[in-house]
Amino acid sequence: MPLIKDIHGLPMEQLIAFVTDLSKRWLALDGLWFQAVEKKYGMDEAIEADIAVWEKFTALEAQRIKQFLNLPEQDGLDALEMALQFRLYAFLNKQELIRQADNKLVFRMNACRVQAAREKKKMPLFPCKSAGLVEYSGFARAIDPRINTRCICCPPDEPEEGCYCAWEFTLDG
């Protein structure tokens, strides 16, 4: 069987399946490294390492999405709304974007593979709020530095009805 070096000829359905599979591989890697650090050093150290990783990765992901979509500089919540739909998570989790006003956007993670896996194993929800604050605010700032981020809810907080976490983005100026 010859090696496939060019995906340009693949049908659309297969390309979408490939992107989804790549996203699953990325999330598996993220979970495996986290569990390895947690096993060796404990939860607090693993979360500290997770925050350091997300601080770098979220800005990188935002910049690459911004470039891929050719989003203009300082395009505010319109650019953020578009970019959030192209994150690796977007291909795996059920998400919702609600535009509450011209200067306010709410992102809700309605189904989360990480939290669902933990629930299936009868584990407590992963307390991702501290990493999420770094992740979502860093992503938004990389899209447009005028965007402010506020956590509405995220574990260890009690989730809102129908979502694991929710984030509010507002635009200054």
N, C-alpha and C. Protein backbone atom coordinates (compact mmCIF):
# COMPACT_ATOMS: atom_id res chain seq x y z
N MET A 1 0.86 -1.18 0.00
CA MET A 1 0.00 0.00 0.00
C MET A 1 0.90 1.24 0.00
N PRO A 2 0.69 2.16 -0.93
CA PRO A 2 1.53 3.37 -0.99
C PRO A 2 1.21 4.32 0.16
N LEU A 3 2.21 5.09 0.55
CA LEU A 3 2.01 6.10 1.58
C LEU A 3 1.22 7.27 1.01
N ILE A 4 0.30 7.80 1.80
CA ILE A 4 -0.47 8.97 1.37
C ILE A 4 0.28 10.20 1.85
N LYS A 5 0.76 10.99 0.93
CA LYS A 5 1.50 12.20 1.29
C LYS A 5 0.70 13.46 0.96
N ASP A 6 -0.38 13.30 0.24
CA ASP A 6 -1.15 14.45 -0.20
C ASP A 6 -2.62 14.21 0.11
N ILE A 7 -3.21 15.05 0.94
CA ILE A 7 -4.62 14.87 1.31
C ILE A 7 -5.56 15.67 0.41
N HIS A 8 -5.02 16.38 -0.56
CA HIS A 8 -5.84 17.23 -1.41
C HIS A 8 -6.92 16.47 -2.17
N GLY A 9 -6.70 15.22 -2.48
CA GLY A 9 -7.66 14.46 -3.25
C GLY A 9 -8.70 13.73 -2.43
N LEU A 10 -8.62 13.83 -1.11
CA LEU A 10 -9.58 13.12 -0.27
C LEU A 10 -10.96 13.78 -0.34
N PRO A 11 -12.01 12.96 -0.27
CA PRO A 11 -13.37 13.55 -0.25
C PRO A 11 -13.60 14.34 1.03
N MET A 12 -14.51 15.29 0.98
CA MET A 12 -14.80 16.19 2.10
C MET A 12 -15.11 15.42 3.38
N GLU A 13 -15.92 14.36 3.30
CA GLU A 13 -16.29 13.60 4.49
C GLU A 13 -15.05 13.00 5.15
N GLN A 14 -14.11 12.53 4.34
CA GLN A 14 -12.91 11.93 4.89
C GLN A 14 -12.00 13.00 5.49
N LEU A 15 -11.95 14.18 4.91
CA LEU A 15 -11.17 15.28 5.47
C LEU A 15 -11.73 15.70 6.83
N ILE A 16 -13.04 15.80 6.93
CA ILE A 16 -13.67 16.17 8.20
C ILE A 16 -13.40 15.10 9.25
N ALA A 17 -13.50 13.83 8.86
CA ALA A 17 -13.20 12.74 9.79
C ALA A 17 -11.74 12.80 10.24
N PHE A 18 -10.85 13.17 9.33
CA PHE A 18 -9.43 13.27 9.65
C PHE A 18 -9.18 14.40 10.65
N VAL A 19 -9.80 15.56 10.44
CA VAL A 19 -9.65 16.68 11.38
C VAL A 19 -10.17 16.29 12.75
N THR A 20 -11.30 15.63 12.79
CA THR A 20 -11.87 15.18 14.07
C THR A 20 -10.94 14.19 14.75
N ASP A 21 -10.40 13.26 13.98
CA ASP A 21 -9.48 12.29 14.55
C ASP A 21 -8.20 12.95 15.07
N LEU A 22 -7.67 13.92 14.32
CA LEU A 22 -6.50 14.66 14.79
C LEU A 22 -6.80 15.37 16.11
N SER A 23 -7.99 15.93 16.21
CA SER A 23 -8.39 16.61 17.45
C SER A 23 -8.46 15.63 18.61
N LYS A 24 -8.98 14.43 18.36
CA LYS A 24 -9.05 13.41 19.41
C LYS A 24 -7.64 13.00 19.84
N ARG A 25 -6.75 12.87 18.88
CA ARG A 25 -5.36 12.51 19.21
C ARG A 25 -4.72 13.58 20.08
N TRP A 26 -4.96 14.86 19.72
CA TRP A 26 -4.41 15.96 20.51
C TRP A 26 -4.94 15.91 21.94
N LEU A 27 -6.25 15.70 22.09
CA LEU A 27 -6.84 15.68 23.42
C LEU A 27 -6.34 14.48 24.22
N ALA A 28 -6.14 13.34 23.55
CA ALA A 28 -5.59 12.17 24.24
C ALA A 28 -4.18 12.48 24.75
N LEU A 29 -3.37 13.11 23.94
CA LEU A 29 -2.02 13.48 24.36
C LEU A 29 -2.07 14.43 25.55
N ASP A 30 -2.95 15.42 25.48
CA ASP A 30 -3.10 16.38 26.58
C ASP A 30 -3.46 15.65 27.87
N GLY A 31 -4.40 14.73 27.80
CA GLY A 31 -4.81 13.99 28.99
C GLY A 31 -3.73 13.06 29.51
N LEU A 32 -3.02 12.40 28.60
CA LEU A 32 -1.99 11.45 29.03
C LEU A 32 -0.82 12.14 29.72
N TRP A 33 -0.38 13.28 29.16
CA TRP A 33 0.74 13.97 29.82
C TRP A 33 0.29 14.49 31.18
N PHE A 34 -0.95 14.99 31.25
CA PHE A 34 -1.45 15.50 32.52
C PHE A 34 -1.47 14.39 33.57
N GLN A 35 -2.01 13.23 33.19
CA GLN A 35 -2.10 12.11 34.12
C GLN A 35 -0.72 11.64 34.57
N ALA A 36 0.26 11.68 33.66
CA ALA A 36 1.63 11.29 34.03
C ALA A 36 2.22 12.25 35.06
N VAL A 37 2.01 13.54 34.86
CA VAL A 37 2.51 14.53 35.81
C VAL A 37 1.76 14.40 37.14
N GLU A 38 0.45 14.20 37.07
CA GLU A 38 -0.35 14.04 38.29
C GLU A 38 0.11 12.82 39.08
N LYS A 39 0.36 11.71 38.39
CA LYS A 39 0.78 10.48 39.07
C LYS A 39 2.13 10.67 39.78
N LYS A 40 3.05 11.38 39.13
CA LYS A 40 4.38 11.53 39.69
C LYS A 40 4.47 12.63 40.75
N TYR A 41 3.74 13.75 40.54
CA TYR A 41 3.91 14.92 41.40
C TYR A 41 2.65 15.35 42.15
N GLY A 42 1.49 14.80 41.79
CA GLY A 42 0.25 15.18 42.45
C GLY A 42 -0.57 16.18 41.64
N MET A 43 -1.82 16.34 42.03
CA MET A 43 -2.77 17.18 41.29
C MET A 43 -2.34 18.64 41.24
N ASP A 44 -1.91 19.21 42.35
CA ASP A 44 -1.54 20.62 42.38
C ASP A 44 -0.40 20.92 41.40
N GLU A 45 0.62 20.07 41.40
CA GLU A 45 1.75 20.27 40.47
C GLU A 45 1.31 20.07 39.03
N ALA A 46 0.42 19.11 38.80
CA ALA A 46 -0.06 18.86 37.44
C ALA A 46 -0.86 20.07 36.93
N ILE A 47 -1.67 20.64 37.78
CA ILE A 47 -2.44 21.82 37.38
C ILE A 47 -1.50 22.98 37.11
N GLU A 48 -0.48 23.15 37.94
CA GLU A 48 0.50 24.22 37.71
C GLU A 48 1.18 24.05 36.35
N ALA A 49 1.57 22.82 36.02
CA ALA A 49 2.18 22.55 34.72
C ALA A 49 1.17 22.78 33.60
N ASP A 50 -0.08 22.37 33.82
CA ASP A 50 -1.14 22.54 32.83
C ASP A 50 -1.34 24.02 32.51
N ILE A 51 -1.34 24.85 33.53
CA ILE A 51 -1.50 26.30 33.34
C ILE A 51 -0.35 26.85 32.50
N ALA A 52 0.86 26.40 32.80
CA ALA A 52 2.03 26.87 32.03
C ALA A 52 1.92 26.47 30.56
N VAL A 53 1.45 25.25 30.31
CA VAL A 53 1.28 24.78 28.93
C VAL A 53 0.18 25.58 28.23
N TRP A 54 -0.96 25.74 28.89
CA TRP A 54 -2.08 26.45 28.26
C TRP A 54 -1.74 27.92 27.98
N GLU A 55 -0.94 28.51 28.84
CA GLU A 55 -0.55 29.91 28.62
C GLU A 55 0.14 30.07 27.27
N LYS A 56 0.98 29.11 26.92
CA LYS A 56 1.70 29.16 25.63
C LYS A 56 0.82 28.65 24.49
N PHE A 57 0.17 27.49 24.71
CA PHE A 57 -0.57 26.86 23.62
C PHE A 57 -1.76 27.69 23.16
N THR A 58 -2.50 28.28 24.09
CA THR A 58 -3.71 29.00 23.72
C THR A 58 -3.39 30.19 22.81
N ALA A 59 -2.29 30.90 23.09
CA ALA A 59 -1.89 32.02 22.23
C ALA A 59 -1.45 31.52 20.86
N LEU A 60 -0.72 30.41 20.85
CA LEU A 60 -0.28 29.81 19.59
C LEU A 60 -1.48 29.37 18.76
N GLU A 61 -2.42 28.69 19.40
CA GLU A 61 -3.61 28.23 18.69
C GLU A 61 -4.40 29.41 18.14
N ALA A 62 -4.58 30.45 18.93
CA ALA A 62 -5.33 31.63 18.48
C ALA A 62 -4.63 32.30 17.30
N GLN A 63 -3.32 32.45 17.39
CA GLN A 63 -2.59 33.10 16.29
C GLN A 63 -2.69 32.29 15.00
N ARG A 64 -2.59 30.98 15.12
CA ARG A 64 -2.69 30.14 13.91
C ARG A 64 -4.10 30.17 13.32
N ILE A 65 -5.10 30.16 14.16
CA ILE A 65 -6.48 30.25 13.66
C ILE A 65 -6.70 31.62 13.02
N LYS A 66 -6.22 32.65 13.67
CA LYS A 66 -6.36 34.02 13.15
C LYS A 66 -5.73 34.11 11.76
N GLN A 67 -4.55 33.55 11.62
CA GLN A 67 -3.87 33.56 10.32
C GLN A 67 -4.61 32.69 9.30
N PHE A 68 -5.04 31.51 9.71
CA PHE A 68 -5.76 30.60 8.82
C PHE A 68 -7.03 31.24 8.27
N LEU A 69 -7.76 31.93 9.15
CA LEU A 69 -9.02 32.57 8.74
C LEU A 69 -8.82 33.97 8.16
N ASN A 70 -7.56 34.44 8.20
CA ASN A 70 -7.24 35.78 7.71
C ASN A 70 -8.08 36.84 8.44
N LEU A 71 -8.13 36.70 9.76
CA LEU A 71 -8.92 37.64 10.56
C LEU A 71 -8.14 38.93 10.73
N PRO A 72 -8.82 40.05 10.58
CA PRO A 72 -8.14 41.35 10.74
C PRO A 72 -7.74 41.60 12.19
N GLU A 73 -6.76 42.48 12.36
CA GLU A 73 -6.35 42.89 13.70
C GLU A 73 -7.50 43.65 14.36
N GLN A 74 -7.64 43.46 15.64
CA GLN A 74 -8.64 44.15 16.45
C GLN A 74 -10.03 44.13 15.81
N ASP A 75 -10.46 42.92 15.44
CA ASP A 75 -11.80 42.74 14.88
C ASP A 75 -12.80 42.35 15.95
N GLY A 76 -12.37 42.44 17.20
CA GLY A 76 -13.28 42.30 18.33
C GLY A 76 -13.95 40.95 18.45
N LEU A 77 -15.20 41.00 18.92
CA LEU A 77 -15.95 39.79 19.22
C LEU A 77 -16.36 39.04 17.97
N ASP A 78 -16.46 39.73 16.84
CA ASP A 78 -16.76 39.03 15.59
C ASP A 78 -15.64 38.04 15.27
N ALA A 79 -14.40 38.49 15.41
CA ALA A 79 -13.25 37.61 15.15
C ALA A 79 -13.18 36.50 16.19
N LEU A 80 -13.42 36.82 17.45
CA LEU A 80 -13.39 35.81 18.49
C LEU A 80 -14.46 34.75 18.26
N GLU A 81 -15.65 35.19 17.91
CA GLU A 81 -16.75 34.25 17.66
C GLU A 81 -16.38 33.27 16.54
N MET A 82 -15.76 33.75 15.49
CA MET A 82 -15.33 32.90 14.39
C MET A 82 -14.20 31.98 14.85
N ALA A 83 -13.21 32.53 15.53
CA ALA A 83 -12.03 31.75 15.93
C ALA A 83 -12.39 30.63 16.90
N LEU A 84 -13.29 30.87 17.82
CA LEU A 84 -13.67 29.83 18.77
C LEU A 84 -14.23 28.59 18.08
N GLN A 85 -14.81 28.78 16.91
CA GLN A 85 -15.39 27.66 16.17
C GLN A 85 -14.33 26.81 15.46
N PHE A 86 -13.07 27.27 15.47
CA PHE A 86 -11.99 26.55 14.81
C PHE A 86 -10.96 25.99 15.78
N ARG A 87 -11.22 26.09 17.08
CA ARG A 87 -10.33 25.48 18.07
C ARG A 87 -10.43 23.96 17.96
N LEU A 88 -9.40 23.28 18.39
CA LEU A 88 -9.44 21.82 18.35
C LEU A 88 -10.62 21.27 19.14
N TYR A 89 -10.94 21.91 20.27
CA TYR A 89 -12.10 21.49 21.06
C TYR A 89 -13.40 21.51 20.27
N ALA A 90 -13.51 22.44 19.35
CA ALA A 90 -14.77 22.63 18.63
C ALA A 90 -15.15 21.41 17.80
N PHE A 91 -14.16 20.59 17.47
CA PHE A 91 -14.43 19.39 16.68
C PHE A 91 -14.81 18.20 17.56
N LEU A 92 -14.73 18.37 18.88
CA LEU A 92 -14.96 17.27 19.80
C LEU A 92 -16.09 17.50 20.79
N ASN A 93 -16.29 18.72 21.19
CA ASN A 93 -17.24 19.05 22.24
C ASN A 93 -18.44 19.79 21.67
N LYS A 94 -19.55 19.67 22.36
CA LYS A 94 -20.72 20.45 21.96
C LYS A 94 -20.63 21.81 22.63
N GLN A 95 -20.56 22.85 21.81
CA GLN A 95 -20.38 24.21 22.30
C GLN A 95 -21.48 25.11 21.78
N GLU A 96 -21.62 26.23 22.45
CA GLU A 96 -22.65 27.20 22.09
C GLU A 96 -22.08 28.60 22.25
N LEU A 97 -22.33 29.45 21.26
CA LEU A 97 -21.94 30.85 21.32
C LEU A 97 -23.20 31.69 21.32
N ILE A 98 -23.31 32.59 22.29
CA ILE A 98 -24.50 33.43 22.41
C ILE A 98 -24.05 34.89 22.39
N ARG A 99 -24.49 35.61 21.40
CA ARG A 99 -24.16 37.04 21.31
C ARG A 99 -25.22 37.80 22.09
N GLN A 100 -24.87 38.30 23.26
CA GLN A 100 -25.84 38.96 24.12
C GLN A 100 -25.97 40.45 23.83
N ALA A 101 -24.96 41.03 23.23
CA ALA A 101 -24.96 42.45 22.85
C ALA A 101 -23.79 42.64 21.89
N ASP A 102 -23.70 43.82 21.30
CA ASP A 102 -22.58 44.09 20.40
C ASP A 102 -21.24 43.89 21.09
N ASN A 103 -21.20 44.17 22.40
CA ASN A 103 -19.93 44.09 23.14
C ASN A 103 -19.88 42.93 24.13
N LYS A 104 -20.77 41.92 23.97
CA LYS A 104 -20.79 40.80 24.90
C LYS A 104 -21.11 39.48 24.18
N LEU A 105 -20.19 38.51 24.37
CA LEU A 105 -20.32 37.17 23.78
C LEU A 105 -20.17 36.15 24.90
N VAL A 106 -21.05 35.17 24.94
CA VAL A 106 -20.95 34.09 25.93
C VAL A 106 -20.66 32.79 25.19
N PHE A 107 -19.67 32.08 25.72
CA PHE A 107 -19.30 30.76 25.21
C PHE A 107 -19.67 29.74 26.26
N ARG A 108 -20.40 28.69 25.86
CA ARG A 108 -20.80 27.63 26.78
C ARG A 108 -20.31 26.29 26.25
N MET A 109 -19.67 25.52 27.11
CA MET A 109 -19.24 24.17 26.78
C MET A 109 -20.33 23.24 27.29
N ASN A 110 -21.22 22.84 26.38
CA ASN A 110 -22.39 22.06 26.77
C ASN A 110 -22.07 20.58 26.99
N ALA A 111 -21.16 20.05 26.21
CA ALA A 111 -20.70 18.66 26.38
C ALA A 111 -19.18 18.68 26.26
N CYS A 112 -18.51 18.13 27.25
CA CYS A 112 -17.05 18.15 27.31
C CYS A 112 -16.55 16.71 27.41
N ARG A 113 -15.73 16.28 26.46
CA ARG A 113 -15.22 14.91 26.46
C ARG A 113 -14.43 14.59 27.72
N VAL A 114 -13.65 15.56 28.19
CA VAL A 114 -12.84 15.33 29.39
C VAL A 114 -13.75 15.07 30.59
N GLN A 115 -14.72 15.93 30.80
CA GLN A 115 -15.59 15.79 31.97
C GLN A 115 -16.50 14.56 31.84
N ALA A 116 -16.97 14.30 30.63
CA ALA A 116 -17.81 13.12 30.41
C ALA A 116 -17.05 11.83 30.71
N ALA A 117 -15.78 11.78 30.33
CA ALA A 117 -14.96 10.60 30.60
C ALA A 117 -14.79 10.41 32.11
N ARG A 118 -14.59 11.51 32.82
CA ARG A 118 -14.43 11.42 34.27
C ARG A 118 -15.74 10.97 34.93
N GLU A 119 -16.85 11.49 34.47
CA GLU A 119 -18.14 11.07 35.02
C GLU A 119 -18.38 9.59 34.77
N LYS A 120 -18.02 9.13 33.58
CA LYS A 120 -18.19 7.72 33.22
C LYS A 120 -17.38 6.82 34.15
N LYS A 121 -16.21 7.29 34.59
CA LYS A 121 -15.35 6.54 35.50
C LYS A 121 -15.70 6.80 36.96
N LYS A 122 -16.82 7.51 37.20
CA LYS A 122 -17.26 7.86 38.55
C LYS A 122 -16.23 8.71 39.30
N MET A 123 -15.54 9.55 38.54
CA MET A 123 -14.55 10.46 39.12
C MET A 123 -15.19 11.83 39.28
N PRO A 124 -14.68 12.64 40.21
CA PRO A 124 -15.21 14.01 40.32
C PRO A 124 -14.82 14.80 39.07
N LEU A 125 -15.57 15.85 38.80
CA LEU A 125 -15.24 16.71 37.67
C LEU A 125 -13.83 17.26 37.84
N PHE A 126 -13.12 17.39 36.74
CA PHE A 126 -11.78 17.94 36.77
C PHE A 126 -11.87 19.43 37.09
N PRO A 127 -11.13 19.91 38.09
CA PRO A 127 -11.20 21.32 38.47
C PRO A 127 -10.36 22.19 37.52
N CYS A 128 -10.92 22.49 36.37
CA CYS A 128 -10.15 23.15 35.30
C CYS A 128 -10.25 24.67 35.29
N LYS A 129 -10.90 25.26 36.27
CA LYS A 129 -11.12 26.71 36.25
C LYS A 129 -9.82 27.51 36.20
N SER A 130 -8.83 27.15 37.00
CA SER A 130 -7.59 27.93 37.02
C SER A 130 -6.89 27.87 35.66
N ALA A 131 -6.86 26.72 35.04
CA ALA A 131 -6.28 26.61 33.69
C ALA A 131 -7.19 27.29 32.67
N GLY A 132 -8.50 27.17 32.86
CA GLY A 132 -9.45 27.79 31.94
C GLY A 132 -9.35 29.30 31.91
N LEU A 133 -9.10 29.90 33.08
CA LEU A 133 -8.93 31.35 33.12
C LEU A 133 -7.76 31.79 32.25
N VAL A 134 -6.66 31.05 32.33
CA VAL A 134 -5.48 31.34 31.51
C VAL A 134 -5.80 31.05 30.04
N GLU A 135 -6.40 29.91 29.79
CA GLU A 135 -6.70 29.48 28.42
C GLU A 135 -7.64 30.45 27.71
N TYR A 136 -8.80 30.69 28.26
CA TYR A 136 -9.80 31.50 27.54
C TYR A 136 -9.42 32.97 27.47
N SER A 137 -8.86 33.52 28.54
CA SER A 137 -8.46 34.92 28.47
C SER A 137 -7.28 35.10 27.52
N GLY A 138 -6.35 34.15 27.53
CA GLY A 138 -5.20 34.22 26.61
C GLY A 138 -5.62 34.08 25.17
N PHE A 139 -6.56 33.19 24.90
CA PHE A 139 -7.05 33.00 23.53
C PHE A 139 -7.72 34.30 23.05
N ALA A 140 -8.60 34.84 23.88
CA ALA A 140 -9.33 36.06 23.49
C ALA A 140 -8.38 37.23 23.26
N ARG A 141 -7.41 37.41 24.15
CA ARG A 141 -6.44 38.51 24.00
C ARG A 141 -5.58 38.35 22.74
N ALA A 142 -5.27 37.10 22.39
CA ALA A 142 -4.48 36.88 21.17
C ALA A 142 -5.30 37.22 19.92
N ILE A 143 -6.60 37.08 20.00
CA ILE A 143 -7.46 37.48 18.88
C ILE A 143 -7.59 38.99 18.84
N ASP A 144 -7.83 39.59 20.00
CA ASP A 144 -7.93 41.05 20.10
C ASP A 144 -7.63 41.45 21.55
N PRO A 145 -6.55 42.19 21.78
CA PRO A 145 -6.15 42.52 23.15
C PRO A 145 -7.17 43.34 23.93
N ARG A 146 -8.19 43.87 23.26
CA ARG A 146 -9.21 44.67 23.95
C ARG A 146 -10.29 43.81 24.60
N ILE A 147 -10.25 42.49 24.36
CA ILE A 147 -11.30 41.60 24.87
C ILE A 147 -10.97 41.19 26.30
N ASN A 148 -11.97 41.34 27.18
CA ASN A 148 -11.86 40.90 28.58
C ASN A 148 -12.66 39.61 28.74
N THR A 149 -12.18 38.75 29.63
CA THR A 149 -12.80 37.44 29.84
C THR A 149 -13.21 37.30 31.29
N ARG A 150 -14.40 36.76 31.50
CA ARG A 150 -14.91 36.49 32.84
C ARG A 150 -15.46 35.07 32.86
N CYS A 151 -15.11 34.33 33.90
CA CYS A 151 -15.65 32.98 34.07
C CYS A 151 -17.05 33.09 34.67
N ILE A 152 -18.01 32.52 34.00
CA ILE A 152 -19.37 32.44 34.54
C ILE A 152 -19.46 31.22 35.47
N CYS A 153 -18.95 30.09 34.99
CA CYS A 153 -18.86 28.89 35.82
C CYS A 153 -17.86 27.93 35.18
N CYS A 154 -17.16 27.19 36.02
CA CYS A 154 -16.21 26.19 35.55
C CYS A 154 -15.81 25.38 36.78
N PRO A 155 -15.75 24.06 36.65
CA PRO A 155 -15.36 23.26 37.82
C PRO A 155 -14.05 23.76 38.42
N PRO A 156 -13.97 23.90 39.72
CA PRO A 156 -14.80 23.24 40.72
C PRO A 156 -16.12 23.95 41.03
N ASP A 157 -16.44 25.08 40.36
CA ASP A 157 -17.75 25.71 40.54
C ASP A 157 -18.84 24.72 40.14
N GLU A 158 -20.01 24.93 40.68
CA GLU A 158 -21.17 24.17 40.23
C GLU A 158 -21.48 24.57 38.79
N PRO A 159 -21.66 23.60 37.89
CA PRO A 159 -21.97 23.97 36.51
C PRO A 159 -23.38 24.56 36.40
N GLU A 160 -23.56 25.39 35.39
CA GLU A 160 -24.90 25.88 35.07
C GLU A 160 -25.66 24.75 34.40
N GLU A 161 -26.97 24.85 34.41
CA GLU A 161 -27.81 23.86 33.74
C GLU A 161 -27.40 23.72 32.27
N GLY A 162 -27.08 22.51 31.88
CA GLY A 162 -26.81 22.23 30.47
C GLY A 162 -25.40 22.56 29.99
N CYS A 163 -24.48 22.89 30.90
CA CYS A 163 -23.11 23.14 30.45
C CYS A 163 -22.12 22.85 31.57
N TYR A 164 -20.91 22.54 31.16
CA TYR A 164 -19.84 22.29 32.13
C TYR A 164 -19.14 23.59 32.51
N CYS A 165 -18.93 24.45 31.52
CA CYS A 165 -18.31 25.73 31.82
C CYS A 165 -18.89 26.78 30.90
N ALA A 166 -18.80 28.02 31.33
CA ALA A 166 -19.29 29.15 30.52
C ALA A 166 -18.39 30.34 30.76
N TRP A 167 -18.14 31.07 29.69
CA TRP A 167 -17.22 32.21 29.72
C TRP A 167 -17.86 33.39 29.03
N GLU A 168 -17.68 34.56 29.62
CA GLU A 168 -18.22 35.79 29.04
C GLU A 168 -17.06 36.64 28.52
N PHE A 169 -17.21 37.11 27.29
CA PHE A 169 -16.21 37.97 26.67
C PHE A 169 -16.84 39.32 26.40
N THR A 170 -16.17 40.38 26.82
CA THR A 170 -16.65 41.73 26.57
C THR A 170 -15.53 42.51 25.88
N LEU A 171 -15.96 43.49 25.11
CA LEU A 171 -15.01 44.29 24.34
C LEU A 171 -14.92 45.69 24.93
N ASP A 172 -13.70 46.11 25.23
CA ASP A 172 -13.45 47.47 25.69
C ASP A 172 -13.34 48.39 24.49
N GLY A 173 -13.86 49.60 24.65
CA GLY A 173 -13.68 50.65 23.64
C GLY A 173 -14.40 50.38 22.43
